[in-house]
C-alpha atoms as a PDB file:
ATOM      1  CA  MET A   1       0.000   0.000   0.000  1.00  0.00           C
ATOM      2  CA  LYS A   2       1.330   3.411  -0.930  1.00  0.00           C
ATOM      3  CA  LYS A   3       2.065   5.624   2.064  1.00  0.00           C
ATOM      4  CA  HIS A   4       0.990   9.246   1.972  1.00  0.00           C
ATOM      5  CA  PRO A   5       3.983  11.645   2.182  1.00  0.00           C
ATOM      6  CA  LEU A   6       2.170  13.832   4.711  1.00  0.00           C
ATOM      7  CA  LEU A   7       1.578  10.873   7.040  1.00  0.00           C
ATOM      8  CA  LEU A   8       5.258   9.929   6.833  1.00  0.00           C
ATOM      9  CA  LEU A   9       6.251  13.498   7.681  1.00  0.00           C
ATOM     10  CA  ILE A  10       3.903  13.624  10.659  1.00  0.00           C
ATOM     11  CA  SER A  11       5.160  10.256  11.912  1.00  0.00           C
ATOM     12  CA  PHE A  12       8.774  11.416  11.664  1.00  0.00           C
ATOM     13  CA  PHE A  13       7.927  14.643  13.504  1.00  0.00           C
ATOM     14  CA  LEU A  14       6.183  12.778  16.331  1.00  0.00           C
ATOM     15  CA  LEU A  15       9.105  10.361  16.710  1.00  0.00           C
ATOM     16  CA  ALA A  16      11.529  13.274  16.910  1.00  0.00           C
ATOM     17  CA  ILE A  17       9.426  14.899  19.642  1.00  0.00           C
ATOM     18  CA  LEU A  18       9.240  11.649  21.612  1.00  0.00           C
ATOM     19  CA  HIS A  19      13.014  11.177  21.339  1.00  0.00           C
ATOM     20  CA  GLN A  20      13.633  14.727  22.536  1.00  0.00           C
ATOM     21  CA  GLN A  21      11.246  14.294  25.463  1.00  0.00           C
ATOM     22  CA  ASP A  22      12.983  11.032  26.383  1.00  0.00           C
ATOM     23  CA  ALA A  23      16.377  12.744  26.385  1.00  0.00           C
ATOM     24  CA  LEU A  24      15.079  15.660  28.431  1.00  0.00           C
ATOM     25  CA  ALA A  25      13.756  13.226  31.041  1.00  0.00           C
ATOM     26  CA  TYR A  26      17.313  12.534  32.226  1.00  0.00           C
ATOM     27  CA  ASP A  27      19.243  14.751  34.596  1.00  0.00           C
ATOM     28  CA  THR A  28      22.052  16.707  32.930  1.00  0.00           C
ATOM     29  CA  THR A  29      24.039  17.469  36.092  1.00  0.00           C
ATOM     30  CA  LEU A  30      27.752  16.919  35.436  1.00  0.00           C
ATOM     31  CA  TYR A  31      29.595  14.604  37.814  1.00  0.00           C
ATOM     32  CA  HIS A  32      33.282  13.755  38.134  1.00  0.00           C
ATOM     33  CA  TRP A  33      33.923  10.081  38.819  1.00  0.00           C
ATOM     34  CA  SER A  34      35.455   9.406  42.215  1.00  0.00           C
ATOM     35  CA  PHE A  35      35.711   6.577  44.698  1.00  0.00           C
ATOM     36  CA  LYS A  36      36.535   6.291  48.376  1.00  0.00           C
ATOM     37  CA  PRO A  37      40.015   4.772  48.855  1.00  0.00           C
ATOM     38  CA  GLU A  38      40.565   2.067  51.437  1.00  0.00           C
ATOM     39  CA  LYS A  39      43.714   0.857  53.160  1.00  0.00           C
ATOM     40  CA  GLU A  40      45.154  -2.663  53.304  1.00  0.00           C
ATOM     41  CA  ASN A  41      43.984  -3.555  49.788  1.00  0.00           C
ATOM     42  CA  LYS A  42      40.313  -3.522  50.732  1.00  0.00           C
ATOM     43  CA  PRO A  43      37.648  -2.935  48.052  1.00  0.00           C
ATOM     44  CA  VAL A  44      36.581   0.653  47.518  1.00  0.00           C
ATOM     45  CA  THR A  45      33.135   2.125  47.150  1.00  0.00           C
ATOM     46  CA  THR A  46      31.743   5.312  45.652  1.00  0.00           C
ATOM     47  CA  GLU A  47      28.954   7.827  46.206  1.00  0.00           C
ATOM     48  CA  PRO A  48      25.499   6.269  46.743  1.00  0.00           C
ATOM     49  CA  HIS A  49      23.935   8.306  43.916  1.00  0.00           C
ATOM     50  CA  PHE A  50      26.739   7.176  41.584  1.00  0.00           C
ATOM     51  CA  LEU A  51      25.917   3.558  42.444  1.00  0.00           C
ATOM     52  CA  THR A  52      22.242   4.178  41.704  1.00  0.00           C
ATOM     53  CA  MET A  53      22.964   5.722  38.301  1.00  0.00           C
ATOM     54  CA  LEU A  54      25.358   2.947  37.326  1.00  0.00           C
ATOM     55  CA  GLU A  55      22.816   0.301  38.308  1.00  0.00           C
ATOM     56  CA  GLN A  56      20.046   2.019  36.355  1.00  0.00           C
ATOM     57  CA  HIS A  57      22.121   2.488  33.206  1.00  0.00           C
ATOM     58  CA  GLY A  58      24.335  -0.597  33.166  1.00  0.00           C
ATOM     59  CA  GLY A  59      27.635   0.998  34.197  1.00  0.00           C
ATOM     60  CA  ILE A  60      30.433  -0.688  36.146  1.00  0.00           C
ATOM     61  CA  PHE A  61      33.421   0.352  38.241  1.00  0.00           C
ATOM     62  CA  ILE A  62      34.293  -2.791  40.189  1.00  0.00           C
ATOM     63  CA  GLY A  63      33.886  -6.554  39.939  1.00  0.00           C
ATOM     64  CA  ASP A  64      33.032  -9.198  42.515  1.00  0.00           C
ATOM     65  CA  ILE A  65      34.629  -7.976  45.745  1.00  0.00           C
ATOM     66  CA  SER A  66      34.480 -11.475  47.234  1.00  0.00           C
ATOM     67  CA  LYS A  67      36.993 -12.770  44.682  1.00  0.00           C
ATOM     68  CA  LYS A  68      40.623 -11.819  44.091  1.00  0.00           C
ATOM     69  CA  GLU A  69      40.089 -10.911  40.446  1.00  0.00           C
ATOM     70  CA  LEU A  70      41.616  -7.936  38.626  1.00  0.00           C
ATOM     71  CA  TYR A  71      40.511  -6.216  35.419  1.00  0.00           C
ATOM     72  CA  LEU A  72      43.344  -4.408  33.672  1.00  0.00           C
ATOM     73  CA  THR A  73      42.356  -1.410  31.518  1.00  0.00           C
ATOM     74  CA  PHE A  74      44.412   1.221  29.721  1.00  0.00           C
ATOM     75  CA  ASP A  75      43.445   4.629  28.380  1.00  0.00           C
ATOM     76  CA  ASN A  76      45.156   5.298  25.032  1.00  0.00           C
ATOM     77  CA  GLY A  77      44.680   8.914  24.031  1.00  0.00           C
ATOM     78  CA  TYR A  78      47.939   9.047  22.103  1.00  0.00           C
ATOM     79  CA  GLU A  79      51.018   6.905  21.648  1.00  0.00           C
ATOM     80  CA  ASN A  80      54.129   7.668  23.679  1.00  0.00           C
ATOM     81  CA  GLY A  81      56.216   4.683  22.638  1.00  0.00           C
ATOM     82  CA  PHE A  82      55.312   2.217  25.410  1.00  0.00           C
ATOM     83  CA  THR A  83      52.220   0.334  24.224  1.00  0.00           C
ATOM     84  CA  ALA A  84      54.254  -2.260  22.305  1.00  0.00           C
ATOM     85  CA  MET A  85      56.198  -2.979  25.501  1.00  0.00           C
ATOM     86  CA  ILE A  86      52.940  -3.326  27.427  1.00  0.00           C
ATOM     87  CA  LEU A  87      51.596  -5.721  24.807  1.00  0.00           C
ATOM     88  CA  ASP A  88      54.803  -7.748  24.973  1.00  0.00           C
ATOM     89  CA  VAL A  89      54.390  -8.165  28.737  1.00  0.00           C
ATOM     90  CA  LEU A  90      50.692  -9.036  28.478  1.00  0.00           C
ATOM     91  CA  LYS A  91      51.460 -11.661  25.833  1.00  0.00           C
ATOM     92  CA  GLN A  92      54.308 -13.165  27.829  1.00  0.00           C
ATOM     93  CA  LYS A  93      52.237 -13.282  31.039  1.00  0.00           C
ATOM     94  CA  LYS A  94      49.011 -14.324  29.249  1.00  0.00           C
ATOM     95  CA  VAL A  95      46.990 -11.466  30.725  1.00  0.00           C
ATOM     96  CA  PRO A  96      43.924  -9.932  29.023  1.00  0.00           C
ATOM     97  CA  ALA A  97      43.388  -6.185  28.983  1.00  0.00           C
ATOM     98  CA  ALA A  98      41.069  -3.530  27.592  1.00  0.00           C
ATOM     99  CA  PHE A  99      42.408  -0.513  25.700  1.00  0.00           C
ATOM    100  CA  PHE A 100      40.181   2.552  25.445  1.00  0.00           C
ATOM    101  CA  VAL A 101      41.164   4.520  22.351  1.00  0.00           C
ATOM    102  CA  THR A 102      40.465   7.972  20.916  1.00  0.00           C
ATOM    103  CA  GLY A 103      40.106   9.048  17.309  1.00  0.00           C
ATOM    104  CA  HIS A 104      43.676  10.329  17.272  1.00  0.00           C
ATOM    105  CA  TYR A 105      44.933   6.947  18.402  1.00  0.00           C
ATOM    106  CA  LEU A 106      42.971   5.078  15.752  1.00  0.00           C
ATOM    107  CA  LYS A 107      44.177   7.407  13.001  1.00  0.00           C
ATOM    108  CA  THR A 108      47.840   7.188  13.971  1.00  0.00           C
ATOM    109  CA  GLU A 109      48.285   3.711  15.490  1.00  0.00           C
ATOM    110  CA  GLY A 110      46.298   1.311  13.333  1.00  0.00           C
ATOM    111  CA  GLU A 111      48.975  -1.397  13.501  1.00  0.00           C
ATOM    112  CA  LEU A 112      49.022  -1.370  17.292  1.00  0.00           C
ATOM    113  CA  VAL A 113      45.217  -1.554  17.367  1.00  0.00           C
ATOM    114  CA  GLN A 114      45.329  -4.556  15.040  1.00  0.00           C
ATOM    115  CA  ARG A 115      47.890  -6.197  17.286  1.00  0.00           C
ATOM    116  CA  MET A 116      45.709  -5.616  20.358  1.00  0.00           C
ATOM    117  CA  VAL A 117      42.832  -7.401  18.650  1.00  0.00           C
ATOM    118  CA  GLN A 118      44.998 -10.222  17.301  1.00  0.00           C
ATOM    119  CA  GLU A 119      46.364 -10.895  20.778  1.00  0.00           C
ATOM    120  CA  GLY A 120      42.906 -11.152  22.297  1.00  0.00           C
ATOM    121  CA  HIS A 121      42.463  -7.784  23.976  1.00  0.00           C
ATOM    122  CA  ILE A 122      39.324  -5.653  24.102  1.00  0.00           C
ATOM    123  CA  ILE A 123      39.181  -2.286  22.342  1.00  0.00           C
ATOM    124  CA  GLY A 124      36.903   0.205  24.041  1.00  0.00           C
ATOM    125  CA  ASN A 125      35.533   3.602  23.044  1.00  0.00           C
ATOM    126  CA  HIS A 126      37.154   6.695  24.555  1.00  0.00           C
ATOM    127  CA  SER A 127      35.370   9.074  22.096  1.00  0.00           C
ATOM    128  CA  TRP A 128      36.792  10.659  18.963  1.00  0.00           C
ATOM    129  CA  HIS A 129      37.836  14.090  20.290  1.00  0.00           C
ATOM    130  CA  HIS A 130      37.887  13.325  24.051  1.00  0.00           C
ATOM    131  CA  PRO A 131      35.171  15.873  24.995  1.00  0.00           C
ATOM    132  CA  SER A 132      33.231  16.025  28.220  1.00  0.00           C
ATOM    133  CA  LEU A 133      30.231  13.891  27.249  1.00  0.00           C
ATOM    134  CA  PRO A 134      27.769  15.653  29.599  1.00  0.00           C
ATOM    135  CA  LYS A 135      28.593  19.004  27.952  1.00  0.00           C
ATOM    136  CA  ILE A 136      27.789  18.023  24.369  1.00  0.00           C
ATOM    137  CA  SER A 137      24.484  17.473  22.576  1.00  0.00           C
ATOM    138  CA  ASP A 138      22.876  14.094  22.017  1.00  0.00           C
ATOM    139  CA  GLU A 139      23.793  14.206  18.335  1.00  0.00           C
ATOM    140  CA  ARG A 140      27.404  15.161  19.043  1.00  0.00           C
ATOM    141  CA  LEU A 141      27.695  12.367  21.607  1.00  0.00           C
ATOM    142  CA  LYS A 142      26.431   9.854  19.065  1.00  0.00           C
ATOM    143  CA  GLU A 143      28.887  11.158  16.461  1.00  0.00           C
ATOM    144  CA  GLU A 144      31.798  10.930  18.914  1.00  0.00           C
ATOM    145  CA  LEU A 145      31.073   7.282  19.643  1.00  0.00           C
ATOM    146  CA  GLU A 146      30.043   6.218  16.147  1.00  0.00           C
ATOM    147  CA  SER A 147      33.189   7.727  14.594  1.00  0.00           C
ATOM    148  CA  ILE A 148      35.337   5.531  16.820  1.00  0.00           C
ATOM    149  CA  LYS A 149      33.322   2.407  16.064  1.00  0.00           C
ATOM    150  CA  THR A 150      33.292   3.033  12.298  1.00  0.00           C
ATOM    151  CA  THR A 151      37.036   3.637  12.100  1.00  0.00           C
ATOM    152  CA  PHE A 152      37.754   0.659  14.345  1.00  0.00           C
ATOM    153  CA  THR A 153      35.738  -1.528  11.972  1.00  0.00           C
ATOM    154  CA  GLU A 154      37.653  -0.167   8.976  1.00  0.00           C
ATOM    155  CA  ILE A 155      40.957  -1.044  10.652  1.00  0.00           C
ATOM    156  CA  THR A 156      40.080  -4.450  12.075  1.00  0.00           C
ATOM    157  CA  GLY A 157      36.974  -5.711  10.281  1.00  0.00           C
ATOM    158  CA  ILE A 158      35.230  -6.083  13.652  1.00  0.00           C
ATOM    159  CA  ASP A 159      31.896  -4.315  13.826  1.00  0.00           C
ATOM    160  CA  GLU A 160      31.218  -4.678  17.544  1.00  0.00           C
ATOM    161  CA  MET A 161      32.264  -2.373  20.363  1.00  0.00           C
ATOM    162  CA  HIS A 162      30.664  -2.736  23.786  1.00  0.00           C
ATOM    163  CA  TYR A 163      32.602  -0.665  26.313  1.00  0.00           C
ATOM    164  CA  LEU A 164      32.960   3.085  26.876  1.00  0.00           C
ATOM    165  CA  ARG A 165      35.352   4.947  29.127  1.00  0.00           C
ATOM    166  CA  PRO A 166      33.927   8.468  29.568  1.00  0.00           C
ATOM    167  CA  PRO A 167      36.658  11.041  28.868  1.00  0.00           C
ATOM    168  CA  ARG A 168      38.018  12.722  32.007  1.00  0.00           C
ATOM    169  CA  GLY A 169      35.704  10.550  34.086  1.00  0.00           C
ATOM    170  CA  GLU A 170      32.918  13.090  33.537  1.00  0.00           C
ATOM    171  CA  PHE A 171      29.347  11.880  33.218  1.00  0.00           C
ATOM    172  CA  SER A 172      25.709  12.717  33.785  1.00  0.00           C
ATOM    173  CA  GLU A 173      22.572  10.645  33.962  1.00  0.00           C
ATOM    174  CA  ARG A 174      21.862  11.732  30.387  1.00  0.00           C
ATOM    175  CA  SER A 175      25.285  10.679  29.049  1.00  0.00           C
ATOM    176  CA  LEU A 176      25.032   7.323  30.842  1.00  0.00           C
ATOM    177  CA  ALA A 177      21.532   6.696  29.529  1.00  0.00           C
ATOM    178  CA  LEU A 178      22.213   7.752  25.948  1.00  0.00           C
ATOM    179  CA  SER A 179      25.457   5.791  25.623  1.00  0.00           C
ATOM    180  CA  HIS A 180      23.783   2.747  27.165  1.00  0.00           C
ATOM    181  CA  GLN A 181      20.969   3.049  24.625  1.00  0.00           C
ATOM    182  CA  LEU A 182      23.680   2.994  21.950  1.00  0.00           C
ATOM    183  CA  GLY A 183      24.859  -0.365  23.263  1.00  0.00           C
ATOM    184  CA  TYR A 184      27.706   0.658  25.574  1.00  0.00           C
ATOM    185  CA  THR A 185      28.639  -0.326  29.086  1.00  0.00           C
ATOM    186  CA  ASN A 186      30.236   2.659  30.806  1.00  0.00           C
ATOM    187  CA  VAL A 187      33.427   1.440  32.470  1.00  0.00           C
ATOM    188  CA  PHE A 188      34.724   3.525  35.351  1.00  0.00           C
ATOM    189  CA  TRP A 189      37.413   2.289  37.755  1.00  0.00           C
ATOM    190  CA  SER A 190      38.216   1.448  41.366  1.00  0.00           C
ATOM    191  CA  MET A 191      42.000   1.748  41.172  1.00  0.00           C
ATOM    192  CA  ALA A 192      44.103   4.535  39.667  1.00  0.00           C
ATOM    193  CA  TYR A 193      46.930   6.879  40.472  1.00  0.00           C
ATOM    194  CA  LYS A 194      48.430  10.002  38.878  1.00  0.00           C
ATOM    195  CA  ASP A 195      50.391   8.271  36.126  1.00  0.00           C
ATOM    196  CA  TRP A 196      49.610  10.339  33.010  1.00  0.00           C
ATOM    197  CA  GLU A 197      52.081  13.199  33.445  1.00  0.00           C
ATOM    198  CA  VAL A 198      54.830  12.077  31.089  1.00  0.00           C
ATOM    199  CA  ASP A 199      57.271  14.742  32.259  1.00  0.00           C
ATOM    200  CA  LYS A 200      56.901  13.712  35.902  1.00  0.00           C
ATOM    201  CA  GLN A 201      57.651   9.995  35.802  1.00  0.00           C
ATOM    202  CA  LYS A 202      59.312   8.701  38.959  1.00  0.00           C
ATOM    203  CA  GLY A 203      60.565   5.261  37.984  1.00  0.00           C
ATOM    204  CA  ALA A 204      59.242   1.717  37.770  1.00  0.00           C
ATOM    205  CA  SER A 205      59.556   1.116  41.517  1.00  0.00           C
ATOM    206  CA  PHE A 206      57.321   4.080  42.256  1.00  0.00           C
ATOM    207  CA  ALA A 207      54.686   2.841  39.809  1.00  0.00           C
ATOM    208  CA  TYR A 208      54.894  -0.663  41.278  1.00  0.00           C
ATOM    209  CA  GLU A 209      54.342   0.645  44.807  1.00  0.00           C
ATOM    210  CA  GLN A 210      51.437   2.884  43.789  1.00  0.00           C
ATOM    211  CA  ILE A 211      49.674   0.062  41.990  1.00  0.00           C
ATOM    212  CA  MET A 212      50.300  -2.715  44.502  1.00  0.00           C
ATOM    213  CA  LYS A 213      49.033  -0.726  47.475  1.00  0.00           C
ATOM    214  CA  ARG A 214      45.798   0.012  45.604  1.00  0.00           C
ATOM    215  CA  ILE A 215      44.822  -3.346  44.101  1.00  0.00           C
ATOM    216  CA  HIS A 216      41.927  -5.088  45.791  1.00  0.00           C
ATOM    217  CA  PRO A 217      39.412  -7.865  45.093  1.00  0.00           C
ATOM    218  CA  GLY A 218      37.356  -7.000  42.016  1.00  0.00           C
ATOM    219  CA  ALA A 219      39.506  -4.010  41.056  1.00  0.00           C
ATOM    220  CA  VAL A 220      38.954  -2.387  37.679  1.00  0.00           C
ATOM    221  CA  MET A 221      42.447  -0.983  37.211  1.00  0.00           C
ATOM    222  CA  LEU A 222      42.930   2.227  35.231  1.00  0.00           C
ATOM    223  CA  LEU A 223      46.434   2.778  33.873  1.00  0.00           C
ATOM    224  CA  HIS A 224      47.671   5.113  31.150  1.00  0.00           C
ATOM    225  CA  SER A 225      49.802   3.627  28.399  1.00  0.00           C
ATOM    226  CA  VAL A 226      51.778   6.876  27.988  1.00  0.00           C
ATOM    227  CA  SER A 227      53.532   6.131  31.281  1.00  0.00           C
ATOM    228  CA  LYS A 228      57.060   4.755  30.972  1.00  0.00           C
ATOM    229  CA  ASP A 229      56.878   3.784  34.637  1.00  0.00           C
ATOM    230  CA  ASN A 230      53.759   1.674  34.104  1.00  0.00           C
ATOM    231  CA  ALA A 231      55.278  -0.148  31.148  1.00  0.00           C
ATOM    232  CA  GLU A 232      58.447  -0.986  33.065  1.00  0.00           C
ATOM    233  CA  ALA A 233      56.597  -2.018  36.251  1.00  0.00           C
ATOM    234  CA  LEU A 234      53.826  -4.066  34.626  1.00  0.00           C
ATOM    235  CA  GLY A 235      55.575  -7.442  34.558  1.00  0.00           C
ATOM    236  CA  ARG A 236      56.492  -7.265  38.227  1.00  0.00           C
ATOM    237  CA  VAL A 237      52.983  -6.085  39.131  1.00  0.00           C
ATOM    238  CA  ILE A 238      51.448  -9.083  37.358  1.00  0.00           C
ATOM    239  CA  ASP A 239      53.856 -11.571  38.910  1.00  0.00           C
ATOM    240  CA  ASP A 240      53.453 -10.269  42.447  1.00  0.00           C
ATOM    241  CA  ALA A 241      49.677  -9.845  42.189  1.00  0.00           C
ATOM    242  CA  ARG A 242      49.496 -13.518  41.244  1.00  0.00           C
ATOM    243  CA  LYS A 243      51.731 -14.414  44.182  1.00  0.00           C
ATOM    244  CA  HIS A 244      49.145 -12.703  46.394  1.00  0.00           C
ATOM    245  CA  GLY A 245      46.419 -14.909  44.930  1.00  0.00           C
ATOM    246  CA  TYR A 246      44.983 -12.556  42.317  1.00  0.00           C
ATOM    247  CA  GLU A 247      43.789 -13.653  38.891  1.00  0.00           C
ATOM    248  CA  PHE A 248      43.545 -11.363  35.858  1.00  0.00           C
ATOM    249  CA  LYS A 249      40.211 -11.423  34.025  1.00  0.00           C
ATOM    250  CA  SER A 250      38.729  -9.582  31.045  1.00  0.00           C
ATOM    251  CA  LEU A 251      35.769  -7.205  31.073  1.00  0.00           C
ATOM    252  CA  ASP A 252      33.914  -9.787  28.987  1.00  0.00           C
ATOM    253  CA  ASP A 253      34.331 -12.274  31.853  1.00  0.00           C
ATOM    254  CA  LEU A 254      32.873  -9.741  34.275  1.00  0.00           C
ATOM    255  CA  MET A 255      29.884  -8.909  32.082  1.00  0.00           C
ATOM    256  CA  LEU A 256      29.141 -12.578  31.363  1.00  0.00           C
ATOM    257  CA  LYS A 257      29.174 -13.295  35.076  1.00  0.00           C
ATOM    258  CA  ARG A 258      26.760 -10.423  35.725  1.00  0.00           C
ATOM    259  CA  LYS A 259      24.408 -11.591  32.992  1.00  0.00           C
ATOM    260  CA  MET A 260      24.417 -15.129  34.392  1.00  0.00           C
ATOM    261  CA  GLU A 261      23.679 -13.823  37.884  1.00  0.00           C
ATOM    262  CA  ALA A 262      20.759 -11.810  36.522  1.00  0.00           C
ATOM    263  CA  LEU A 263      19.110 -14.883  35.010  1.00  0.00           C
ATOM    264  CA  PRO A 264      16.119 -16.293  36.925  1.00  0.00           C
ATOM    265  CA  MET A 265      17.030 -19.418  38.869  1.00  0.00           C
ATOM    266  CA  SER A 266      15.395 -22.742  38.075  1.00  0.00           C
ATOM    267  CA  GLY A 267      13.404 -24.621  40.700  1.00  0.00           C
ATOM    268  CA  GLU A 268      16.324 -26.943  41.460  1.00  0.00           C
ATOM    269  CA  GLU A 269      18.725 -24.014  41.909  1.00  0.00           C
ATOM    270  CA  ARG A 270      16.366 -22.391  44.350  1.00  0.00           C
END
């Protein structure tokens, strides 16, 4: 049956209004991700309203705190000459990781991105231009994320991307909701230290100490690949974390576990 052009136009207009109303329903208050540090390698927590927003919109910042499992993630805004070394260590130690990349990184480091994929690591979205996601429009946010995914597919042939690391750790309920609607899990972190200042590196021993005193059961570890200290300390961190009973897992492992836990139990399991 032939559709009347006027009816199509009205339908499109109504859908646009509904989409706008849906977007406006979410709070646009900008938040900076933070967590409450603990001593003696105990799991951290965060603000109660952060927990609520993450639960509502599928975000994560920590794994199962009853298990000594670690999730290694790197932010790759640009290449500083150390990612190949990091990949060498991960391959030697058989440790999975997630690398969150920007548009600049994809445009300039295609071979390293291909190697990450070939060696079994996850590539996550860190946005094309690294803007504050709560400060940009819905359309701009979509463009930032889609540009990364499209270019990643062109480089690797893989058309799936499931994880997002919000630039600068800035988020709002709206940015969480919209990115989740686009198919992303927002990945924050429960372990980090000031490692990104390339002109203020303090040596591998310093990095080792900063990391080891912060790891804890279920830790989602945020490290920056531009850090020479991190690259040189990584092998020792992995070895000694394992000596303390920790196991390195991938974000896919964590999400699969959460999905399984969310499934309704059968009568026998009850």
